[in-house]
């Protein structure tokens, strides 16, 4: 696979003006709106080979009543509204 080569700043300018939505298939009022920002690339083992993958950040804009309760519980458990999820695990699953 070829290395990832694209203009992150240009894509982020596009993403700044666009919102993304997840709609629950069970409850119409359960909608989660979020934004995405690309933050870079890093190496990751994919099927035994090192490859470049895209790193990104999701920003929660709004959520429905049930989704908000679930997300608030998760944020309380991790101790805040921002959490970086990192891994150094290179094990092939």
PDB file of N, CA and C in Angstrom:
ATOM      1  N   UNK A   1       0.841  -1.176   0.000  1.00  0.00           N
ATOM      2  CA  UNK A   1       0.000   0.000   0.000  1.00  0.00           C
ATOM      3  C   UNK A   1       0.887   1.241   0.000  1.00  0.00           C
ATOM      4  N   UNK A   2       0.507   2.240  -0.760  1.00  0.00           N
ATOM      5  CA  UNK A   2       1.256   3.496  -0.840  1.00  0.00           C
ATOM      6  C   UNK A   2       1.050   4.318   0.429  1.00  0.00           C
ATOM      7  N   UNK A   3       2.060   5.092   0.846  1.00  0.00           N
ATOM      8  CA  UNK A   3       1.896   5.968   2.012  1.00  0.00           C
ATOM      9  C   UNK A   3       0.787   6.989   1.786  1.00  0.00           C
ATOM     10  N   UNK A   4       0.117   7.364   2.855  1.00  0.00           N
ATOM     11  CA  UNK A   4      -0.929   8.380   2.766  1.00  0.00           C
ATOM     12  C   UNK A   4      -0.264   9.724   2.489  1.00  0.00           C
ATOM     13  N   UNK A   5      -0.742  10.418   1.471  1.00  0.00           N
ATOM     14  CA  UNK A   5      -0.183  11.712   1.115  1.00  0.00           C
ATOM     15  C   UNK A   5      -1.333  12.618   0.696  1.00  0.00           C
ATOM     16  N   UNK A   6      -1.817  13.424   1.625  1.00  0.00           N
ATOM     17  CA  UNK A   6      -2.892  14.350   1.304  1.00  0.00           C
ATOM     18  C   UNK A   6      -2.792  15.578   2.200  1.00  0.00           C
ATOM     19  N   UNK A   7      -3.403  16.685   1.785  1.00  0.00           N
ATOM     20  CA  UNK A   7      -3.309  17.936   2.537  1.00  0.00           C
ATOM     21  C   UNK A   7      -4.292  17.975   3.708  1.00  0.00           C
ATOM     22  N   UNK A   8      -3.813  17.674   4.902  1.00  0.00           N
ATOM     23  CA  UNK A   8      -4.685  17.629   6.081  1.00  0.00           C
ATOM     24  C   UNK A   8      -5.372  18.972   6.314  1.00  0.00           C
ATOM     25  N   UNK A   9      -4.636  20.080   6.178  1.00  0.00           N
ATOM     26  CA  UNK A   9      -5.234  21.401   6.415  1.00  0.00           C
ATOM     27  C   UNK A   9      -6.393  21.682   5.457  1.00  0.00           C
ATOM     28  N   UNK A  10      -6.212  21.306   4.221  1.00  0.00           N
ATOM     29  CA  UNK A  10      -7.271  21.542   3.223  1.00  0.00           C
ATOM     30  C   UNK A  10      -8.521  20.709   3.549  1.00  0.00           C
ATOM     31  N   UNK A  11      -8.316  19.470   3.929  1.00  0.00           N
ATOM     32  CA  UNK A  11      -9.455  18.613   4.292  1.00  0.00           C
ATOM     33  C   UNK A  11     -10.127  19.138   5.558  1.00  0.00           C
ATOM     34  N   UNK A  12      -9.329  19.589   6.547  1.00  0.00           N
ATOM     35  CA  UNK A  12      -9.911  20.134   7.774  1.00  0.00           C
ATOM     36  C   UNK A  12     -10.724  21.400   7.505  1.00  0.00           C
ATOM     37  N   UNK A  13     -10.305  22.216   6.545  1.00  0.00           N
ATOM     38  CA  UNK A  13     -11.106  23.392   6.172  1.00  0.00           C
ATOM     39  C   UNK A  13     -12.471  22.965   5.641  1.00  0.00           C
ATOM     40  N   UNK A  14     -12.516  21.897   4.873  1.00  0.00           N
ATOM     41  CA  UNK A  14     -13.785  21.358   4.393  1.00  0.00           C
ATOM     42  C   UNK A  14     -14.612  20.819   5.561  1.00  0.00           C
ATOM     43  N   UNK A  15     -13.969  20.049   6.455  1.00  0.00           N
ATOM     44  CA  UNK A  15     -14.682  19.424   7.569  1.00  0.00           C
ATOM     45  C   UNK A  15     -15.222  20.444   8.572  1.00  0.00           C
ATOM     46  N   UNK A  16     -14.569  21.606   8.687  1.00  0.00           N
ATOM     47  CA  UNK A  16     -15.031  22.653   9.614  1.00  0.00           C
ATOM     48  C   UNK A  16     -16.451  23.089   9.319  1.00  0.00           C
ATOM     49  N   UNK A  17     -16.818  23.072   8.051  1.00  0.00           N
ATOM     50  CA  UNK A  17     -18.135  23.585   7.644  1.00  0.00           C
ATOM     51  C   UNK A  17     -19.174  22.475   7.483  1.00  0.00           C
ATOM     52  N   UNK A  18     -18.837  21.264   7.878  1.00  0.00           N
ATOM     53  CA  UNK A  18     -19.769  20.153   7.723  1.00  0.00           C
ATOM     54  C   UNK A  18     -19.997  19.439   9.060  1.00  0.00           C
ATOM     55  N   UNK A  19     -21.257  19.150   9.349  1.00  0.00           N
ATOM     56  CA  UNK A  19     -21.627  18.351  10.508  1.00  0.00           C
ATOM     57  C   UNK A  19     -22.003  16.954  10.043  1.00  0.00           C
ATOM     58  N   UNK A  20     -21.811  15.989  10.908  1.00  0.00           N
ATOM     59  CA  UNK A  20     -22.190  14.614  10.615  1.00  0.00           C
ATOM     60  C   UNK A  20     -23.207  14.169  11.650  1.00  0.00           C
ATOM     61  N   UNK A  21     -24.100  13.283  11.248  1.00  0.00           N
ATOM     62  CA  UNK A  21     -25.212  12.904  12.112  1.00  0.00           C
ATOM     63  C   UNK A  21     -25.369  11.394  12.163  1.00  0.00           C
ATOM     64  N   UNK A  22     -25.624  10.909  13.368  1.00  0.00           N
ATOM     65  CA  UNK A  22     -25.999   9.511  13.568  1.00  0.00           C
ATOM     66  C   UNK A  22     -27.439   9.528  14.064  1.00  0.00           C
ATOM     67  N   UNK A  23     -28.313   8.800  13.374  1.00  0.00           N
ATOM     68  CA  UNK A  23     -29.713   8.736  13.763  1.00  0.00           C
ATOM     69  C   UNK A  23     -30.015   7.317  14.223  1.00  0.00           C
ATOM     70  N   UNK A  24     -30.647   7.210  15.391  1.00  0.00           N
ATOM     71  CA  UNK A  24     -30.998   5.899  15.919  1.00  0.00           C
ATOM     72  C   UNK A  24     -32.059   5.253  15.031  1.00  0.00           C
ATOM     73  N   UNK A  25     -31.898   3.968  14.710  1.00  0.00           N
ATOM     74  CA  UNK A  25     -32.931   3.288  13.923  1.00  0.00           C
ATOM     75  C   UNK A  25     -34.182   2.981  14.752  1.00  0.00           C
ATOM     76  N   UNK A  26     -34.092   3.173  16.085  1.00  0.00           N
ATOM     77  CA  UNK A  26     -35.202   2.833  16.977  1.00  0.00           C
ATOM     78  C   UNK A  26     -35.986   4.048  17.452  1.00  0.00           C
ATOM     79  N   UNK A  27     -35.314   5.183  17.618  1.00  0.00           N
ATOM     80  CA  UNK A  27     -35.967   6.378  18.134  1.00  0.00           C
ATOM     81  C   UNK A  27     -35.565   7.571  17.274  1.00  0.00           C
ATOM     82  N   UNK A  28     -36.523   8.170  16.592  1.00  0.00           N
ATOM     83  CA  UNK A  28     -36.223   9.290  15.699  1.00  0.00           C
ATOM     84  C   UNK A  28     -35.610  10.466  16.441  1.00  0.00           C
ATOM     85  N   UNK A  29     -35.990  10.657  17.718  1.00  0.00           N
ATOM     86  CA  UNK A  29     -35.485  11.806  18.460  1.00  0.00           C
ATOM     87  C   UNK A  29     -34.056  11.606  18.962  1.00  0.00           C
ATOM     88  N   UNK A  30     -33.534  10.392  18.848  1.00  0.00           N
ATOM     89  CA  UNK A  30     -32.160  10.110  19.269  1.00  0.00           C
ATOM     90  C   UNK A  30     -31.202  10.373  18.119  1.00  0.00           C
ATOM     91  N   UNK A  31     -30.711  11.592  18.088  1.00  0.00           N
ATOM     92  CA  UNK A  31     -29.796  12.024  17.031  1.00  0.00           C
ATOM     93  C   UNK A  31     -28.521  12.543  17.687  1.00  0.00           C
ATOM     94  N   UNK A  32     -27.371  12.134  17.162  1.00  0.00           N
ATOM     95  CA  UNK A  32     -26.090  12.633  17.645  1.00  0.00           C
ATOM     96  C   UNK A  32     -25.434  13.395  16.497  1.00  0.00           C
ATOM     97  N   UNK A  33     -25.099  14.651  16.746  1.00  0.00           N
ATOM     98  CA  UNK A  33     -24.412  15.478  15.759  1.00  0.00           C
ATOM     99  C   UNK A  33     -22.968  15.673  16.200  1.00  0.00           C
ATOM    100  N   UNK A  34     -22.041  15.531  15.280  1.00  0.00           N
ATOM    101  CA  UNK A  34     -20.635  15.662  15.628  1.00  0.00           C
ATOM    102  C   UNK A  34     -19.840  16.237  14.467  1.00  0.00           C
ATOM    103  N   UNK A  35     -18.626  16.686  14.782  1.00  0.00           N
ATOM    104  CA  UNK A  35     -17.675  17.182  13.784  1.00  0.00           C
ATOM    105  C   UNK A  35     -16.418  16.326  13.868  1.00  0.00           C
ATOM    106  N   UNK A  36     -15.646  16.325  12.787  1.00  0.00           N
ATOM    107  CA  UNK A  36     -14.403  15.552  12.720  1.00  0.00           C
ATOM    108  C   UNK A  36     -13.263  16.499  12.362  1.00  0.00           C
ATOM    109  N   UNK A  37     -12.099  16.273  12.991  1.00  0.00           N
ATOM    110  CA  UNK A  37     -10.885  16.997  12.631  1.00  0.00           C
ATOM    111  C   UNK A  37      -9.757  15.991  12.476  1.00  0.00           C
ATOM    112  N   UNK A  38      -9.097  16.006  11.327  1.00  0.00           N
ATOM    113  CA  UNK A  38      -7.949  15.134  11.115  1.00  0.00           C
ATOM    114  C   UNK A  38      -6.765  15.710  11.875  1.00  0.00           C
ATOM    115  N   UNK A  39      -6.048  14.849  12.615  1.00  0.00           N
ATOM    116  CA  UNK A  39      -4.942  15.345  13.439  1.00  0.00           C
ATOM    117  C   UNK A  39      -3.585  14.832  12.985  1.00  0.00           C
ATOM    118  N   UNK A  40      -3.544  13.943  12.011  1.00  0.00           N
ATOM    119  CA  UNK A  40      -2.267  13.468  11.505  1.00  0.00           C
ATOM    120  C   UNK A  40      -2.330  12.017  11.058  1.00  0.00           C
ATOM    121  N   UNK A  41      -1.162  11.433  10.914  1.00  0.00           N
ATOM    122  CA  UNK A  41      -1.067  10.024  10.551  1.00  0.00           C
ATOM    123  C   UNK A  41      -0.070   9.352  11.498  1.00  0.00           C
ATOM    124  N   UNK A  42      -0.159   8.047  11.585  1.00  0.00           N
ATOM    125  CA  UNK A  42       0.811   7.275  12.362  1.00  0.00           C
ATOM    126  C   UNK A  42       0.894   5.882  11.776  1.00  0.00           C
ATOM    127  N   UNK A  43       1.895   5.153  12.175  1.00  0.00           N
ATOM    128  CA  UNK A  43       2.094   3.780  11.696  1.00  0.00           C
ATOM    129  C   UNK A  43       1.299   2.820  12.572  1.00  0.00           C
ATOM    130  N   UNK A  44       0.717   1.804  11.949  1.00  0.00           N
ATOM    131  CA  UNK A  44      -0.047   0.781  12.648  1.00  0.00           C
ATOM    132  C   UNK A  44       0.124  -0.528  11.887  1.00  0.00           C
ATOM    133  N   UNK A  45       0.170  -1.628  12.609  1.00  0.00           N
ATOM    134  CA  UNK A  45       0.259  -2.927  11.940  1.00  0.00           C
ATOM    135  C   UNK A  45      -1.139  -3.329  11.461  1.00  0.00           C
ATOM    136  N   UNK A  46      -1.252  -3.552  10.168  1.00  0.00           N
ATOM    137  CA  UNK A  46      -2.499  -3.998   9.562  1.00  0.00           C
ATOM    138  C   UNK A  46      -2.189  -5.269   8.791  1.00  0.00           C
ATOM    139  N   UNK A  47      -2.784  -6.372   9.202  1.00  0.00           N
ATOM    140  CA  UNK A  47      -2.562  -7.682   8.595  1.00  0.00           C
ATOM    141  C   UNK A  47      -1.057  -7.978   8.495  1.00  0.00           C
ATOM    142  N   UNK A  48      -0.335  -7.698   9.580  1.00  0.00           N
ATOM    143  CA  UNK A  48       1.071  -8.053   9.659  1.00  0.00           C
ATOM    144  C   UNK A  48       2.052  -7.078   9.053  1.00  0.00           C
ATOM    145  N   UNK A  49       1.577  -6.026   8.387  1.00  0.00           N
ATOM    146  CA  UNK A  49       2.462  -5.037   7.765  1.00  0.00           C
ATOM    147  C   UNK A  49       2.235  -3.664   8.383  1.00  0.00           C
ATOM    148  N   UNK A  50       3.315  -2.887   8.537  1.00  0.00           N
ATOM    149  CA  UNK A  50       3.185  -1.516   9.017  1.00  0.00           C
ATOM    150  C   UNK A  50       2.583  -0.666   7.904  1.00  0.00           C
ATOM    151  N   UNK A  51       1.533   0.088   8.255  1.00  0.00           N
ATOM    152  CA  UNK A  51       0.893   0.977   7.292  1.00  0.00           C
ATOM    153  C   UNK A  51       0.578   2.307   7.963  1.00  0.00           C
ATOM    154  N   UNK A  52       0.463   3.366   7.158  1.00  0.00           N
ATOM    155  CA  UNK A  52       0.041   4.660   7.668  1.00  0.00           C
ATOM    156  C   UNK A  52      -1.470   4.650   7.851  1.00  0.00           C
ATOM    157  N   UNK A  53      -1.932   5.160   8.990  1.00  0.00           N
ATOM    158  CA  UNK A  53      -3.365   5.312   9.237  1.00  0.00           C
ATOM    159  C   UNK A  53      -3.621   6.765   9.632  1.00  0.00           C
ATOM    160  N   UNK A  54      -4.832   7.209   9.439  1.00  0.00           N
ATOM    161  CA  UNK A  54      -5.209   8.585   9.740  1.00  0.00           C
ATOM    162  C   UNK A  54      -5.681   8.670  11.188  1.00  0.00           C
ATOM    163  N   UNK A  55      -5.181   9.669  11.927  1.00  0.00           N
ATOM    164  CA  UNK A  55      -5.682   9.953  13.271  1.00  0.00           C
ATOM    165  C   UNK A  55      -6.674  11.105  13.170  1.00  0.00           C
ATOM    166  N   UNK A  56      -7.695  11.092  14.028  1.00  0.00           N
ATOM    167  CA  UNK A  56      -8.715  12.130  13.978  1.00  0.00           C
ATOM    168  C   UNK A  56      -9.289  12.364  15.368  1.00  0.00           C
ATOM    169  N   UNK A  57      -9.989  13.479  15.507  1.00  0.00           N
ATOM    170  CA  UNK A  57     -10.683  13.827  16.740  1.00  0.00           C
ATOM    171  C   UNK A  57     -12.151  14.034  16.396  1.00  0.00           C
ATOM    172  N   UNK A  58     -13.033  13.486  17.228  1.00  0.00           N
ATOM    173  CA  UNK A  58     -14.472  13.701  17.074  1.00  0.00           C
ATOM    174  C   UNK A  58     -14.910  14.721  18.113  1.00  0.00           C
ATOM    175  N   UNK A  59     -15.720  15.689  17.701  1.00  0.00           N
ATOM    176  CA  UNK A  59     -16.273  16.693  18.597  1.00  0.00           C
ATOM    177  C   UNK A  59     -17.785  16.515  18.641  1.00  0.00           C
ATOM    178  N   UNK A  60     -18.305  16.216  19.808  1.00  0.00           N
ATOM    179  CA  UNK A  60     -19.741  16.038  19.982  1.00  0.00           C
ATOM    180  C   UNK A  60     -20.416  17.398  20.000  1.00  0.00           C
ATOM    181  N   UNK A  61     -21.351  17.613  19.092  1.00  0.00           N
ATOM    182  CA  UNK A  61     -22.075  18.882  19.017  1.00  0.00           C
ATOM    183  C   UNK A  61     -23.365  18.826  19.823  1.00  0.00           C
ATOM    184  N   UNK A  62     -24.143  17.769  19.647  1.00  0.00           N
ATOM    185  CA  UNK A  62     -25.393  17.612  20.388  1.00  0.00           C
ATOM    186  C   UNK A  62     -25.810  16.145  20.337  1.00  0.00           C
ATOM    187  N   UNK A  63     -26.683  15.788  21.270  1.00  0.00           N
ATOM    188  CA  UNK A  63     -27.163  14.398  21.331  1.00  0.00           C
ATOM    189  C   UNK A  63     -28.579  14.378  21.900  1.00  0.00           C
ATOM    190  N   UNK A  64     -29.308  13.324  21.574  1.00  0.00           N
ATOM    191  CA  UNK A  64     -30.651  13.143  22.103  1.00  0.00           C
ATOM    192  C   UNK A  64     -30.615  12.842  23.598  1.00  0.00           C
ATOM    193  N   UNK A  65     -31.797  12.762  24.218  1.00  0.00           N
ATOM    194  CA  UNK A  65     -31.910  12.595  25.670  1.00  0.00           C
ATOM    195  C   UNK A  65     -31.231  11.328  26.175  1.00  0.00           C
ATOM    196  N   UNK A  66     -31.527  10.184  25.589  1.00  0.00           N
ATOM    197  CA  UNK A  66     -30.942   8.912  26.035  1.00  0.00           C
ATOM    198  C   UNK A  66     -29.448   8.882  25.734  1.00  0.00           C
ATOM    199  N   UNK A  67     -29.069   9.303  24.538  1.00  0.00           N
ATOM    200  CA  UNK A  67     -27.657   9.334  24.162  1.00  0.00           C
ATOM    201  C   UNK A  67     -26.867  10.241  25.095  1.00  0.00           C
ATOM    202  N   UNK A  68     -27.449  11.379  25.471  1.00  0.00           N
ATOM    203  CA  UNK A  68     -26.774  12.308  26.377  1.00  0.00           C
ATOM    204  C   UNK A  68     -26.497  11.659  27.721  1.00  0.00           C
ATOM    205  N   UNK A  69     -27.472  10.910  28.249  1.00  0.00           N
ATOM    206  CA  UNK A  69     -27.277  10.239  29.536  1.00  0.00           C
ATOM    207  C   UNK A  69     -26.152   9.207  29.451  1.00  0.00           C
ATOM    208  N   UNK A  70     -26.128   8.447  28.370  1.00  0.00           N
ATOM    209  CA  UNK A  70     -25.089   7.427  28.189  1.00  0.00           C
ATOM    210  C   UNK A  70     -23.723   8.099  28.062  1.00  0.00           C
ATOM    211  N   UNK A  71     -23.636   9.125  27.223  1.00  0.00           N
ATOM    212  CA  UNK A  71     -22.364   9.814  27.013  1.00  0.00           C
ATOM    213  C   UNK A  71     -21.892  10.509  28.288  1.00  0.00           C
ATOM    214  N   UNK A  72     -22.807  11.111  29.051  1.00  0.00           N
ATOM    215  CA  UNK A  72     -22.423  11.743  30.313  1.00  0.00           C
ATOM    216  C   UNK A  72     -21.848  10.726  31.284  1.00  0.00           C
ATOM    217  N   UNK A  73     -22.431   9.525  31.324  1.00  0.00           N
ATOM    218  CA  UNK A  73     -21.906   8.470  32.200  1.00  0.00           C
ATOM    219  C   UNK A  73     -20.493   8.076  31.785  1.00  0.00           C
ATOM    220  N   UNK A  74     -20.263   7.989  30.488  1.00  0.00           N
ATOM    221  CA  UNK A  74     -18.921   7.645  29.985  1.00  0.00           C
ATOM    222  C   UNK A  74     -17.934   8.748  30.346  1.00  0.00           C
ATOM    223  N   UNK A  75     -18.319  10.019  30.128  1.00  0.00           N
ATOM    224  CA  UNK A  75     -17.423  11.131  30.445  1.00  0.00           C
ATOM    225  C   UNK A  75     -17.100  11.185  31.932  1.00  0.00           C
ATOM    226  N   UNK A  76     -18.103  10.909  32.779  1.00  0.00           N
ATOM    227  CA  UNK A  76     -17.851  10.875  34.226  1.00  0.00           C
ATOM    228  C   UNK A  76     -16.866   9.776  34.577  1.00  0.00           C
ATOM    229  N   UNK A  77     -16.993   8.631  33.935  1.00  0.00           N
ATOM    230  CA  UNK A  77     -16.121   7.492  34.230  1.00  0.00           C
ATOM    231  C   UNK A  77     -14.672   7.770  33.849  1.00  0.00           C
ATOM    232  N   UNK A  78     -14.457   8.536  32.779  1.00  0.00           N
ATOM    233  CA  UNK A  78     -13.079   8.813  32.359  1.00  0.00           C
ATOM    234  C   UNK A  78     -12.547  10.102  32.962  1.00  0.00           C
ATOM    235  N   UNK A  79     -13.390  10.818  33.699  1.00  0.00           N
ATOM    236  CA  UNK A  79     -12.917  11.987  34.425  1.00  0.00           C
ATOM    237  C   UNK A  79     -12.888  13.276  33.634  1.00  0.00           C
ATOM    238  N   UNK A  80     -13.768  13.453  32.697  1.00  0.00           N
ATOM    239  CA  UNK A  80     -13.815  14.719  31.963  1.00  0.00           C
ATOM    240  C   UNK A  80     -14.443  14.578  30.607  1.00  0.00           C
ATOM    241  N   UNK A  81     -14.477  15.680  29.880  1.00  0.00           N
ATOM    242  CA  UNK A  81     -15.089  15.688  28.552  1.00  0.00           C
ATOM    243  C   UNK A  81     -14.095  15.450  27.436  1.00  0.00           C
ATOM    244  N   UNK A  82     -12.797  15.410  27.769  1.00  0.00           N
ATOM    245  CA  UNK A  82     -11.791  15.147  26.750  1.00  0.00           C
ATOM    246  C   UNK A  82     -10.959  13.952  27.171  1.00  0.00           C
ATOM    247  N   UNK A  83     -10.741  13.055  26.260  1.00  0.00           N
ATOM    248  CA  UNK A  83      -9.931  11.878  26.555  1.00  0.00           C
ATOM    249  C   UNK A  83      -9.225  11.458  25.285  1.00  0.00           C
ATOM    250  N   UNK A  84      -7.926  11.270  25.385  1.00  0.00           N
ATOM    251  CA  UNK A  84      -7.158  10.756  24.260  1.00  0.00           C
ATOM    252  C   UNK A  84      -7.039   9.252  24.435  1.00  0.00           C
ATOM    253  N   UNK A  85      -7.472   8.525  23.447  1.00  0.00           N
ATOM    254  CA  UNK A  85      -7.373   7.075  23.473  1.00  0.00           C
ATOM    255  C   UNK A  85      -6.149   6.685  22.669  1.00  0.00           C
ATOM    256  N   UNK A  86      -5.177   6.120  23.340  1.00  0.00           N
ATOM    257  CA  UNK A  86      -3.949   5.739  22.652  1.00  0.00           C
ATOM    258  C   UNK A  86      -3.690   4.254  22.851  1.00  0.00           C
ATOM    259  N   UNK A  87      -2.925   3.702  21.953  1.00  0.00           N
ATOM    260  CA  UNK A  87      -2.522   2.314  22.082  1.00  0.00           C
ATOM    261  C   UNK A  87      -1.117   2.162  21.524  1.00  0.00           C
ATOM    262  N   UNK A  88      -0.368   1.341  22.174  1.00  0.00           N
ATOM    263  CA  UNK A  88       0.959   0.980  21.649  1.00  0.00           C
ATOM    264  C   UNK A  88       0.981  -0.504  21.324  1.00  0.00           C
ATOM    265  N   UNK A  89      -0.190  -1.102  21.355  1.00  0.00           N
ATOM    266  CA  UNK A  89      -0.317  -2.537  21.087  1.00  0.00           C
ATOM    267  C   UNK A  89      -0.107  -2.792  19.612  1.00  0.00           C
ATOM    268  N   UNK A  90       0.881  -3.594  19.264  1.00  0.00           N
ATOM    269  CA  UNK A  90       1.143  -3.922  17.866  1.00  0.00           C
ATOM    270  C   UNK A  90       0.844  -5.390  17.577  1.00  0.00           C
ATOM    271  N   UNK A  91       0.062  -6.014  18.467  1.00  0.00           N
ATOM    272  CA  UNK A  91      -0.288  -7.414  18.310  1.00  0.00           C
ATOM    273  C   UNK A  91      -1.260  -7.585  17.144  1.00  0.00           C
ATOM    274  N   UNK A  92      -1.023  -8.568  16.318  1.00  0.00           N
ATOM    275  CA  UNK A  92      -1.933  -8.878  15.221  1.00  0.00           C
ATOM    276  C   UNK A  92      -3.046  -9.752  15.787  1.00  0.00           C
ATOM    277  N   UNK A  93      -4.287  -9.295  15.678  1.00  0.00           N
ATOM    278  CA  UNK A  93      -5.434 -10.038  16.235  1.00  0.00           C
ATOM    279  C   UNK A  93      -6.008 -10.977  15.216  1.00  0.00           C
TER     280      UNK A  93
END
